N, C-alpha and C. Protein backbone atom coordinates (compact mmCIF):
# COMPACT_ATOMS: atom_id res chain seq x y z
N UNK A 1 6.47 -50.12 -3.21
CA UNK A 1 7.90 -50.22 -3.00
C UNK A 1 8.20 -51.48 -2.18
N UNK A 2 9.23 -52.19 -2.54
CA UNK A 2 9.59 -53.39 -1.78
C UNK A 2 10.22 -53.02 -0.44
N UNK A 3 10.13 -53.95 0.50
CA UNK A 3 10.80 -53.78 1.79
C UNK A 3 12.30 -53.82 1.54
N UNK A 4 13.03 -52.89 2.15
CA UNK A 4 14.48 -52.84 1.97
C UNK A 4 15.19 -53.09 3.28
N UNK A 5 16.41 -53.57 3.18
CA UNK A 5 17.23 -53.77 4.37
C UNK A 5 17.43 -52.46 5.10
N UNK A 6 17.64 -51.37 4.35
CA UNK A 6 17.83 -50.05 4.96
C UNK A 6 16.65 -49.68 5.85
N UNK A 7 15.45 -49.88 5.34
CA UNK A 7 14.25 -49.55 6.10
C UNK A 7 14.11 -50.40 7.35
N UNK A 8 14.38 -51.67 7.22
CA UNK A 8 14.28 -52.57 8.37
C UNK A 8 15.31 -52.18 9.44
N UNK A 9 16.53 -51.87 9.02
CA UNK A 9 17.55 -51.44 9.98
C UNK A 9 17.15 -50.13 10.66
N UNK A 10 16.62 -49.20 9.90
CA UNK A 10 16.15 -47.93 10.48
C UNK A 10 15.10 -48.20 11.54
N UNK A 11 14.13 -49.03 11.24
CA UNK A 11 13.08 -49.35 12.20
C UNK A 11 13.59 -50.01 13.46
N UNK A 12 14.64 -50.82 13.32
CA UNK A 12 15.20 -51.52 14.47
C UNK A 12 16.13 -50.63 15.30
N UNK A 13 16.84 -49.71 14.65
CA UNK A 13 17.86 -48.91 15.34
C UNK A 13 17.37 -47.57 15.86
N UNK A 14 16.30 -47.05 15.30
CA UNK A 14 15.83 -45.71 15.72
C UNK A 14 15.56 -45.70 17.22
N UNK A 15 16.02 -44.64 17.87
CA UNK A 15 15.77 -44.52 19.30
C UNK A 15 15.31 -43.10 19.60
N UNK A 16 14.50 -43.00 20.64
CA UNK A 16 13.93 -41.72 21.01
C UNK A 16 14.04 -41.57 22.52
N UNK A 17 14.28 -40.33 22.98
CA UNK A 17 14.37 -40.06 24.42
C UNK A 17 13.02 -40.28 25.09
N UNK A 18 11.97 -39.95 24.38
CA UNK A 18 10.60 -40.19 24.81
C UNK A 18 9.85 -40.71 23.60
N UNK A 19 8.80 -41.48 23.83
CA UNK A 19 8.11 -42.08 22.69
C UNK A 19 6.59 -42.04 22.84
N UNK A 20 6.07 -40.98 23.43
CA UNK A 20 4.62 -40.88 23.56
C UNK A 20 3.95 -40.60 22.22
N UNK A 21 4.56 -39.72 21.42
CA UNK A 21 4.01 -39.36 20.11
C UNK A 21 5.09 -39.50 19.06
N UNK A 22 4.84 -40.35 18.07
CA UNK A 22 5.80 -40.61 17.01
C UNK A 22 5.18 -40.34 15.65
N UNK A 23 6.01 -39.97 14.69
CA UNK A 23 5.57 -39.66 13.33
C UNK A 23 6.43 -40.42 12.34
N UNK A 24 5.78 -41.10 11.39
CA UNK A 24 6.46 -41.78 10.29
C UNK A 24 6.17 -40.99 9.02
N UNK A 25 7.18 -40.33 8.50
CA UNK A 25 7.02 -39.53 7.28
C UNK A 25 7.33 -40.40 6.07
N UNK A 26 6.38 -40.50 5.14
CA UNK A 26 6.54 -41.34 3.96
C UNK A 26 6.35 -42.80 4.31
N UNK A 27 5.27 -43.11 4.96
CA UNK A 27 5.06 -44.44 5.55
C UNK A 27 5.07 -45.58 4.54
N UNK A 28 4.75 -45.32 3.29
CA UNK A 28 4.74 -46.40 2.31
C UNK A 28 3.75 -47.49 2.70
N UNK A 29 4.22 -48.69 2.91
CA UNK A 29 3.35 -49.81 3.28
C UNK A 29 3.03 -49.83 4.78
N UNK A 30 3.67 -48.94 5.54
CA UNK A 30 3.45 -48.90 6.99
C UNK A 30 4.45 -49.72 7.78
N UNK A 31 5.48 -50.24 7.13
CA UNK A 31 6.46 -51.10 7.78
C UNK A 31 7.09 -50.42 9.01
N UNK A 32 7.61 -49.20 8.83
CA UNK A 32 8.26 -48.52 9.95
C UNK A 32 7.25 -48.19 11.05
N UNK A 33 6.07 -47.81 10.68
CA UNK A 33 5.02 -47.54 11.66
C UNK A 33 4.75 -48.77 12.51
N UNK A 34 4.63 -49.91 11.86
CA UNK A 34 4.35 -51.15 12.59
C UNK A 34 5.54 -51.57 13.45
N UNK A 35 6.74 -51.33 12.98
CA UNK A 35 7.92 -51.62 13.80
C UNK A 35 7.94 -50.72 15.04
N UNK A 36 7.61 -49.44 14.86
CA UNK A 36 7.55 -48.53 16.00
C UNK A 36 6.47 -48.96 16.98
N UNK A 37 5.31 -49.32 16.46
CA UNK A 37 4.19 -49.74 17.33
C UNK A 37 4.57 -50.96 18.16
N UNK A 38 5.32 -51.87 17.56
CA UNK A 38 5.75 -53.07 18.26
C UNK A 38 6.81 -52.75 19.31
N UNK A 39 7.73 -51.85 19.00
CA UNK A 39 8.83 -51.51 19.92
C UNK A 39 8.40 -50.57 21.04
N UNK A 40 7.55 -49.61 20.74
CA UNK A 40 7.15 -48.58 21.71
C UNK A 40 5.67 -48.79 22.02
N UNK A 41 5.40 -49.60 23.02
CA UNK A 41 4.06 -50.14 23.24
C UNK A 41 3.03 -49.12 23.70
N UNK A 42 3.45 -47.95 24.15
CA UNK A 42 2.50 -46.92 24.58
C UNK A 42 2.41 -45.75 23.61
N UNK A 43 3.12 -45.79 22.52
CA UNK A 43 3.20 -44.66 21.60
C UNK A 43 1.93 -44.49 20.78
N UNK A 44 1.54 -43.24 20.61
CA UNK A 44 0.52 -42.87 19.63
C UNK A 44 1.30 -42.48 18.37
N UNK A 45 1.01 -43.15 17.27
CA UNK A 45 1.82 -43.00 16.07
C UNK A 45 0.97 -42.45 14.93
N UNK A 46 1.53 -41.46 14.23
CA UNK A 46 0.90 -40.91 13.04
C UNK A 46 1.77 -41.30 11.85
N UNK A 47 1.14 -41.88 10.84
CA UNK A 47 1.83 -42.30 9.62
C UNK A 47 1.29 -41.47 8.46
N UNK A 48 2.18 -40.82 7.72
CA UNK A 48 1.75 -39.97 6.60
C UNK A 48 2.47 -40.36 5.32
N UNK A 49 1.78 -40.16 4.22
CA UNK A 49 2.38 -40.35 2.90
C UNK A 49 1.65 -39.47 1.92
N UNK A 50 2.34 -39.06 0.87
CA UNK A 50 1.76 -38.21 -0.16
C UNK A 50 1.11 -39.05 -1.27
N UNK A 51 1.40 -40.35 -1.27
CA UNK A 51 0.93 -41.24 -2.33
C UNK A 51 -0.31 -42.00 -1.89
N UNK A 52 -1.38 -41.86 -2.64
CA UNK A 52 -2.66 -42.49 -2.28
C UNK A 52 -2.57 -44.02 -2.26
N UNK A 53 -1.86 -44.61 -3.21
CA UNK A 53 -1.71 -46.06 -3.23
C UNK A 53 -0.97 -46.55 -1.99
N UNK A 54 0.06 -45.82 -1.59
CA UNK A 54 0.80 -46.18 -0.38
C UNK A 54 -0.11 -46.12 0.84
N UNK A 55 -0.95 -45.10 0.92
CA UNK A 55 -1.86 -44.97 2.06
C UNK A 55 -2.85 -46.13 2.10
N UNK A 56 -3.33 -46.56 0.96
CA UNK A 56 -4.23 -47.71 0.91
C UNK A 56 -3.52 -48.94 1.47
N UNK A 57 -2.28 -49.16 1.03
CA UNK A 57 -1.50 -50.31 1.51
C UNK A 57 -1.22 -50.21 3.00
N UNK A 58 -0.77 -49.04 3.45
CA UNK A 58 -0.45 -48.84 4.87
C UNK A 58 -1.70 -49.03 5.72
N UNK A 59 -2.81 -48.47 5.31
CA UNK A 59 -4.05 -48.59 6.07
C UNK A 59 -4.46 -50.05 6.20
N UNK A 60 -4.39 -50.79 5.12
CA UNK A 60 -4.71 -52.22 5.16
C UNK A 60 -3.81 -52.95 6.15
N UNK A 61 -2.50 -52.75 6.01
CA UNK A 61 -1.55 -53.44 6.88
C UNK A 61 -1.74 -53.07 8.34
N UNK A 62 -1.96 -51.81 8.61
CA UNK A 62 -2.12 -51.34 9.99
C UNK A 62 -3.44 -51.84 10.58
N UNK A 63 -4.51 -51.79 9.80
CA UNK A 63 -5.81 -52.25 10.31
C UNK A 63 -5.80 -53.74 10.64
N UNK A 64 -4.91 -54.49 10.02
CA UNK A 64 -4.81 -55.92 10.28
C UNK A 64 -3.71 -56.25 11.30
N UNK A 65 -3.26 -55.24 12.01
CA UNK A 65 -2.23 -55.45 13.04
C UNK A 65 -2.86 -55.33 14.43
N UNK A 66 -2.20 -55.86 15.44
CA UNK A 66 -2.72 -55.72 16.81
C UNK A 66 -2.56 -54.31 17.37
N UNK A 67 -1.89 -53.41 16.65
CA UNK A 67 -1.60 -52.06 17.17
C UNK A 67 -2.44 -50.97 16.51
N UNK A 68 -3.41 -51.34 15.70
CA UNK A 68 -4.13 -50.37 14.87
C UNK A 68 -4.81 -49.26 15.68
N UNK A 69 -5.18 -49.50 16.91
CA UNK A 69 -5.89 -48.48 17.70
C UNK A 69 -4.98 -47.32 18.09
N UNK A 70 -3.68 -47.51 18.03
CA UNK A 70 -2.73 -46.46 18.41
C UNK A 70 -2.15 -45.71 17.20
N UNK A 71 -2.63 -46.05 16.01
CA UNK A 71 -2.03 -45.51 14.79
C UNK A 71 -3.06 -44.73 13.97
N UNK A 72 -2.66 -43.54 13.55
CA UNK A 72 -3.46 -42.71 12.64
C UNK A 72 -2.72 -42.63 11.32
N UNK A 73 -3.42 -42.85 10.22
CA UNK A 73 -2.83 -42.80 8.88
C UNK A 73 -3.43 -41.62 8.13
N UNK A 74 -2.55 -40.78 7.56
CA UNK A 74 -3.00 -39.58 6.85
C UNK A 74 -2.41 -39.51 5.44
N UNK A 75 -3.27 -39.23 4.47
CA UNK A 75 -2.82 -38.91 3.13
C UNK A 75 -2.58 -37.40 3.12
N UNK A 76 -1.31 -37.00 3.04
CA UNK A 76 -1.02 -35.57 3.08
C UNK A 76 0.40 -35.29 2.62
N UNK A 77 0.64 -34.05 2.32
CA UNK A 77 1.98 -33.54 2.04
C UNK A 77 2.55 -33.07 3.37
N UNK A 78 3.61 -33.69 3.84
CA UNK A 78 4.17 -33.37 5.15
C UNK A 78 4.60 -31.91 5.23
N UNK A 79 4.93 -31.30 4.11
CA UNK A 79 5.36 -29.91 4.12
C UNK A 79 4.20 -28.94 4.35
N UNK A 80 2.98 -29.40 4.13
CA UNK A 80 1.82 -28.51 4.27
C UNK A 80 0.85 -28.93 5.38
N UNK A 81 0.97 -30.12 5.89
CA UNK A 81 0.01 -30.66 6.86
C UNK A 81 0.15 -29.96 8.22
N UNK A 82 -0.95 -29.35 8.70
CA UNK A 82 -0.90 -28.79 10.06
C UNK A 82 -1.14 -29.91 11.09
N UNK A 83 -0.42 -29.87 12.18
CA UNK A 83 -0.61 -30.81 13.27
C UNK A 83 -0.94 -30.03 14.53
N UNK A 84 -1.75 -30.63 15.39
CA UNK A 84 -2.17 -29.96 16.62
C UNK A 84 -1.13 -30.06 17.72
N UNK A 85 -0.14 -30.89 17.55
CA UNK A 85 0.88 -31.09 18.58
C UNK A 85 2.22 -31.38 17.92
N UNK A 86 3.27 -31.35 18.73
CA UNK A 86 4.59 -31.74 18.25
C UNK A 86 4.81 -33.21 18.59
N UNK A 87 5.93 -33.74 18.14
CA UNK A 87 6.21 -35.16 18.29
C UNK A 87 7.49 -35.39 19.09
N UNK A 88 7.53 -36.50 19.81
CA UNK A 88 8.73 -36.92 20.52
C UNK A 88 9.76 -37.50 19.56
N UNK A 89 9.27 -38.12 18.51
CA UNK A 89 10.18 -38.75 17.56
C UNK A 89 9.60 -38.79 16.16
N UNK A 90 10.50 -38.68 15.19
CA UNK A 90 10.13 -38.79 13.78
C UNK A 90 11.05 -39.81 13.15
N UNK A 91 10.48 -40.67 12.35
CA UNK A 91 11.26 -41.64 11.59
C UNK A 91 10.92 -41.43 10.12
N UNK A 92 11.95 -41.54 9.28
CA UNK A 92 11.72 -41.31 7.86
C UNK A 92 12.79 -42.02 7.05
N UNK A 93 12.37 -42.84 6.14
CA UNK A 93 13.25 -43.41 5.13
C UNK A 93 13.02 -42.52 3.91
N UNK A 94 13.74 -41.39 3.86
CA UNK A 94 13.40 -40.34 2.90
C UNK A 94 13.82 -40.68 1.47
N UNK A 95 13.34 -39.87 0.53
CA UNK A 95 13.89 -40.01 -0.82
C UNK A 95 15.41 -39.87 -0.74
N UNK A 96 16.11 -40.78 -1.37
CA UNK A 96 17.57 -40.83 -1.23
C UNK A 96 18.32 -39.83 -2.10
N UNK A 97 17.96 -39.78 -3.37
CA UNK A 97 18.87 -39.21 -4.36
C UNK A 97 18.51 -37.79 -4.76
N UNK A 98 19.55 -36.94 -4.80
CA UNK A 98 19.40 -35.55 -5.23
C UNK A 98 19.62 -35.40 -6.73
N UNK A 99 20.25 -36.38 -7.34
CA UNK A 99 20.55 -36.31 -8.76
C UNK A 99 20.55 -37.72 -9.34
N UNK A 100 20.87 -37.79 -10.62
CA UNK A 100 20.93 -39.08 -11.29
C UNK A 100 19.65 -39.40 -12.03
N UNK A 101 19.65 -40.52 -12.68
CA UNK A 101 18.51 -40.95 -13.48
C UNK A 101 17.33 -41.29 -12.56
N UNK A 102 16.16 -40.78 -12.92
CA UNK A 102 14.97 -41.08 -12.13
C UNK A 102 14.19 -42.22 -12.79
N UNK A 103 13.44 -42.90 -11.98
CA UNK A 103 12.63 -44.02 -12.46
C UNK A 103 11.53 -43.51 -13.39
N UNK A 104 11.15 -44.33 -14.34
CA UNK A 104 10.06 -43.97 -15.25
C UNK A 104 8.71 -43.99 -14.52
N UNK A 105 8.58 -44.86 -13.53
CA UNK A 105 7.37 -44.94 -12.72
C UNK A 105 7.35 -43.76 -11.76
N UNK A 106 6.31 -42.93 -11.83
CA UNK A 106 6.28 -41.69 -11.03
C UNK A 106 6.26 -41.97 -9.53
N UNK A 107 5.59 -43.03 -9.09
CA UNK A 107 5.56 -43.36 -7.66
C UNK A 107 6.96 -43.72 -7.17
N UNK A 108 7.66 -44.50 -7.94
CA UNK A 108 9.03 -44.89 -7.57
C UNK A 108 9.96 -43.69 -7.60
N UNK A 109 9.80 -42.82 -8.59
CA UNK A 109 10.64 -41.62 -8.68
C UNK A 109 10.41 -40.72 -7.47
N UNK A 110 9.16 -40.54 -7.05
CA UNK A 110 8.85 -39.72 -5.88
C UNK A 110 9.44 -40.32 -4.62
N UNK A 111 9.41 -41.64 -4.50
CA UNK A 111 9.93 -42.31 -3.32
C UNK A 111 11.45 -42.28 -3.26
N UNK A 112 12.11 -42.25 -4.40
CA UNK A 112 13.58 -42.39 -4.40
C UNK A 112 14.34 -41.09 -4.64
N UNK A 113 13.71 -40.08 -5.22
CA UNK A 113 14.40 -38.83 -5.54
C UNK A 113 13.77 -37.66 -4.79
N UNK A 114 14.58 -36.66 -4.53
CA UNK A 114 14.17 -35.54 -3.68
C UNK A 114 13.41 -34.45 -4.42
N UNK A 115 12.82 -34.75 -5.55
CA UNK A 115 12.12 -33.73 -6.33
C UNK A 115 10.93 -33.13 -5.59
N UNK A 116 10.24 -33.93 -4.78
CA UNK A 116 9.08 -33.41 -4.05
C UNK A 116 9.34 -33.21 -2.56
N UNK A 117 10.47 -33.72 -2.05
CA UNK A 117 10.83 -33.54 -0.65
C UNK A 117 12.35 -33.50 -0.53
N UNK A 118 12.89 -32.28 -0.55
CA UNK A 118 14.34 -32.15 -0.42
C UNK A 118 14.74 -32.44 1.02
N UNK A 119 15.98 -32.78 1.20
CA UNK A 119 16.48 -33.05 2.55
C UNK A 119 16.44 -31.80 3.42
N UNK A 120 16.70 -30.65 2.82
CA UNK A 120 16.64 -29.39 3.57
C UNK A 120 15.21 -29.11 4.04
N UNK A 121 14.24 -29.32 3.16
CA UNK A 121 12.83 -29.12 3.55
C UNK A 121 12.41 -30.13 4.61
N UNK A 122 12.88 -31.37 4.48
CA UNK A 122 12.58 -32.40 5.46
C UNK A 122 13.13 -32.00 6.83
N UNK A 123 14.38 -31.56 6.88
CA UNK A 123 14.97 -31.13 8.15
C UNK A 123 14.24 -29.94 8.75
N UNK A 124 13.88 -28.97 7.91
CA UNK A 124 13.16 -27.80 8.38
C UNK A 124 11.81 -28.19 8.97
N UNK A 125 11.13 -29.10 8.30
CA UNK A 125 9.82 -29.55 8.79
C UNK A 125 9.96 -30.34 10.08
N UNK A 126 10.98 -31.19 10.16
CA UNK A 126 11.22 -31.92 11.41
C UNK A 126 11.51 -30.96 12.55
N UNK A 127 12.27 -29.92 12.27
CA UNK A 127 12.58 -28.91 13.28
C UNK A 127 11.29 -28.30 13.85
N UNK A 128 10.33 -28.07 13.00
CA UNK A 128 9.05 -27.48 13.44
C UNK A 128 8.13 -28.49 14.12
N UNK A 129 8.24 -29.77 13.75
CA UNK A 129 7.33 -30.78 14.27
C UNK A 129 7.81 -31.48 15.54
N UNK A 130 9.10 -31.37 15.83
CA UNK A 130 9.63 -32.03 17.03
C UNK A 130 9.48 -31.16 18.26
N UNK A 131 9.19 -31.80 19.38
CA UNK A 131 9.19 -31.05 20.63
C UNK A 131 10.64 -30.81 21.05
N UNK A 132 10.83 -30.10 22.16
CA UNK A 132 12.17 -29.65 22.56
C UNK A 132 13.17 -30.79 22.71
N UNK A 133 12.76 -31.92 23.21
CA UNK A 133 13.66 -33.06 23.42
C UNK A 133 13.54 -34.10 22.31
N UNK A 134 12.78 -33.81 21.27
CA UNK A 134 12.52 -34.79 20.21
C UNK A 134 13.71 -35.07 19.33
N UNK A 135 13.64 -36.18 18.62
CA UNK A 135 14.69 -36.54 17.68
C UNK A 135 14.08 -37.19 16.44
N UNK A 136 14.84 -37.11 15.36
CA UNK A 136 14.40 -37.69 14.09
C UNK A 136 15.47 -38.66 13.61
N UNK A 137 15.04 -39.77 13.03
CA UNK A 137 15.97 -40.77 12.51
C UNK A 137 15.72 -40.98 11.03
N UNK A 138 16.82 -40.97 10.26
CA UNK A 138 16.78 -41.15 8.81
C UNK A 138 17.82 -42.19 8.43
N UNK A 139 17.67 -42.75 7.25
CA UNK A 139 18.71 -43.59 6.67
C UNK A 139 18.93 -43.09 5.25
N UNK A 140 20.22 -42.86 4.92
CA UNK A 140 20.57 -42.29 3.62
C UNK A 140 21.86 -42.91 3.11
N UNK A 141 22.07 -42.88 1.79
CA UNK A 141 23.36 -43.31 1.25
C UNK A 141 24.47 -42.35 1.71
N UNK A 142 25.71 -42.76 1.56
CA UNK A 142 26.85 -42.01 2.09
C UNK A 142 26.91 -40.56 1.59
N UNK A 143 26.80 -40.35 0.30
CA UNK A 143 26.93 -38.99 -0.24
C UNK A 143 25.81 -38.09 0.29
N UNK A 144 24.58 -38.57 0.19
CA UNK A 144 23.45 -37.77 0.67
C UNK A 144 23.47 -37.64 2.19
N UNK A 145 23.97 -38.67 2.88
CA UNK A 145 24.13 -38.59 4.33
C UNK A 145 25.08 -37.48 4.73
N UNK A 146 26.17 -37.33 3.97
CA UNK A 146 27.11 -36.24 4.23
C UNK A 146 26.47 -34.88 4.03
N UNK A 147 25.65 -34.76 2.99
CA UNK A 147 24.96 -33.49 2.72
C UNK A 147 23.95 -33.17 3.83
N UNK A 148 23.22 -34.17 4.30
CA UNK A 148 22.24 -33.91 5.36
C UNK A 148 22.96 -33.63 6.68
N UNK A 149 24.13 -34.21 6.86
CA UNK A 149 24.95 -33.91 8.03
C UNK A 149 25.29 -32.42 8.05
N UNK A 150 25.75 -31.90 6.91
CA UNK A 150 26.08 -30.47 6.82
C UNK A 150 24.83 -29.62 7.01
N UNK A 151 23.71 -30.05 6.48
CA UNK A 151 22.46 -29.30 6.65
C UNK A 151 22.03 -29.30 8.12
N UNK A 152 22.22 -30.41 8.82
CA UNK A 152 21.93 -30.46 10.25
C UNK A 152 22.79 -29.46 11.01
N UNK A 153 24.06 -29.40 10.68
CA UNK A 153 24.95 -28.45 11.34
C UNK A 153 24.50 -27.02 11.09
N UNK A 154 24.10 -26.73 9.87
CA UNK A 154 23.65 -25.38 9.52
C UNK A 154 22.39 -25.00 10.30
N UNK A 155 21.53 -25.98 10.59
CA UNK A 155 20.28 -25.72 11.33
C UNK A 155 20.44 -25.94 12.83
N UNK A 156 21.70 -26.21 13.27
CA UNK A 156 22.00 -26.42 14.69
C UNK A 156 21.27 -27.64 15.26
N UNK A 157 21.19 -28.67 14.45
CA UNK A 157 20.68 -29.96 14.90
C UNK A 157 21.88 -30.87 15.11
N UNK A 158 21.94 -31.53 16.24
CA UNK A 158 23.10 -32.37 16.56
C UNK A 158 22.89 -33.78 16.04
N UNK A 159 23.92 -34.32 15.40
CA UNK A 159 23.87 -35.70 14.94
C UNK A 159 24.42 -36.62 16.01
N UNK A 160 23.65 -37.64 16.33
CA UNK A 160 24.11 -38.64 17.28
C UNK A 160 24.93 -39.71 16.60
N UNK A 161 24.56 -40.04 15.36
CA UNK A 161 25.22 -41.15 14.69
C UNK A 161 25.21 -40.93 13.19
N UNK A 162 26.36 -41.00 12.57
CA UNK A 162 26.40 -40.91 11.11
C UNK A 162 25.85 -42.16 10.46
N UNK A 163 25.96 -43.29 11.17
CA UNK A 163 25.47 -44.54 10.62
C UNK A 163 23.96 -44.47 10.40
N UNK A 164 23.26 -43.95 11.39
CA UNK A 164 21.81 -43.88 11.29
C UNK A 164 21.33 -42.48 10.94
N UNK A 165 22.17 -41.48 11.12
CA UNK A 165 21.81 -40.09 10.86
C UNK A 165 20.61 -39.68 11.70
N UNK A 166 20.77 -39.77 13.01
CA UNK A 166 19.74 -39.36 13.95
C UNK A 166 19.99 -37.92 14.35
N UNK A 167 19.03 -37.07 14.15
CA UNK A 167 19.19 -35.65 14.48
C UNK A 167 18.41 -35.32 15.74
N UNK A 168 19.08 -34.80 16.74
CA UNK A 168 18.41 -34.36 17.96
C UNK A 168 18.02 -32.90 17.80
N UNK A 169 16.83 -32.60 18.17
CA UNK A 169 16.27 -31.27 18.04
C UNK A 169 16.91 -30.31 19.03
N UNK A 170 17.41 -29.20 18.52
CA UNK A 170 17.84 -28.06 19.33
C UNK A 170 18.94 -28.37 20.32
N UNK A 171 19.78 -29.31 20.06
CA UNK A 171 20.91 -29.54 20.95
C UNK A 171 22.12 -28.83 20.40
N UNK A 172 23.00 -28.41 21.29
CA UNK A 172 24.24 -27.75 20.88
C UNK A 172 25.09 -28.73 20.08
N UNK A 173 25.82 -28.21 19.11
CA UNK A 173 26.69 -29.08 18.31
C UNK A 173 27.95 -29.43 19.04
């Protein structure tokens, strides 16, 4: 997948109350992971993706960075992966689209459409993976952003910003 303006903005704007442990869901080439490593100099970062080719690319990019010792890369399904700890922050440039024409390339379709990772499942998983003060940052198109906003409200996750769609864990609405 090519680098997108949305992803770069997400990496630059995401903020966390604490940043000791961070998680990048759907790391792709590792761009967001590397941006987090550069911004949060003491963070231990876990980068996960379900796509083997993406993990190969991310691993290469991360191993050739000055921050590789603080980053763990995992090939896994985020919905099934057990973790030994919770995270201070989660960043995710999630699949955008709930409907519409899907790409013929299966990797691109998985990355862009919610067939394998719905926004509701993503929010539920973030709820379980975040510590009490943790927060998650996403970037979504307007229509899908509105839907995830409503899903956050239903799960009692507070939105800090509609522009970035940052969800704070367990805060009152």
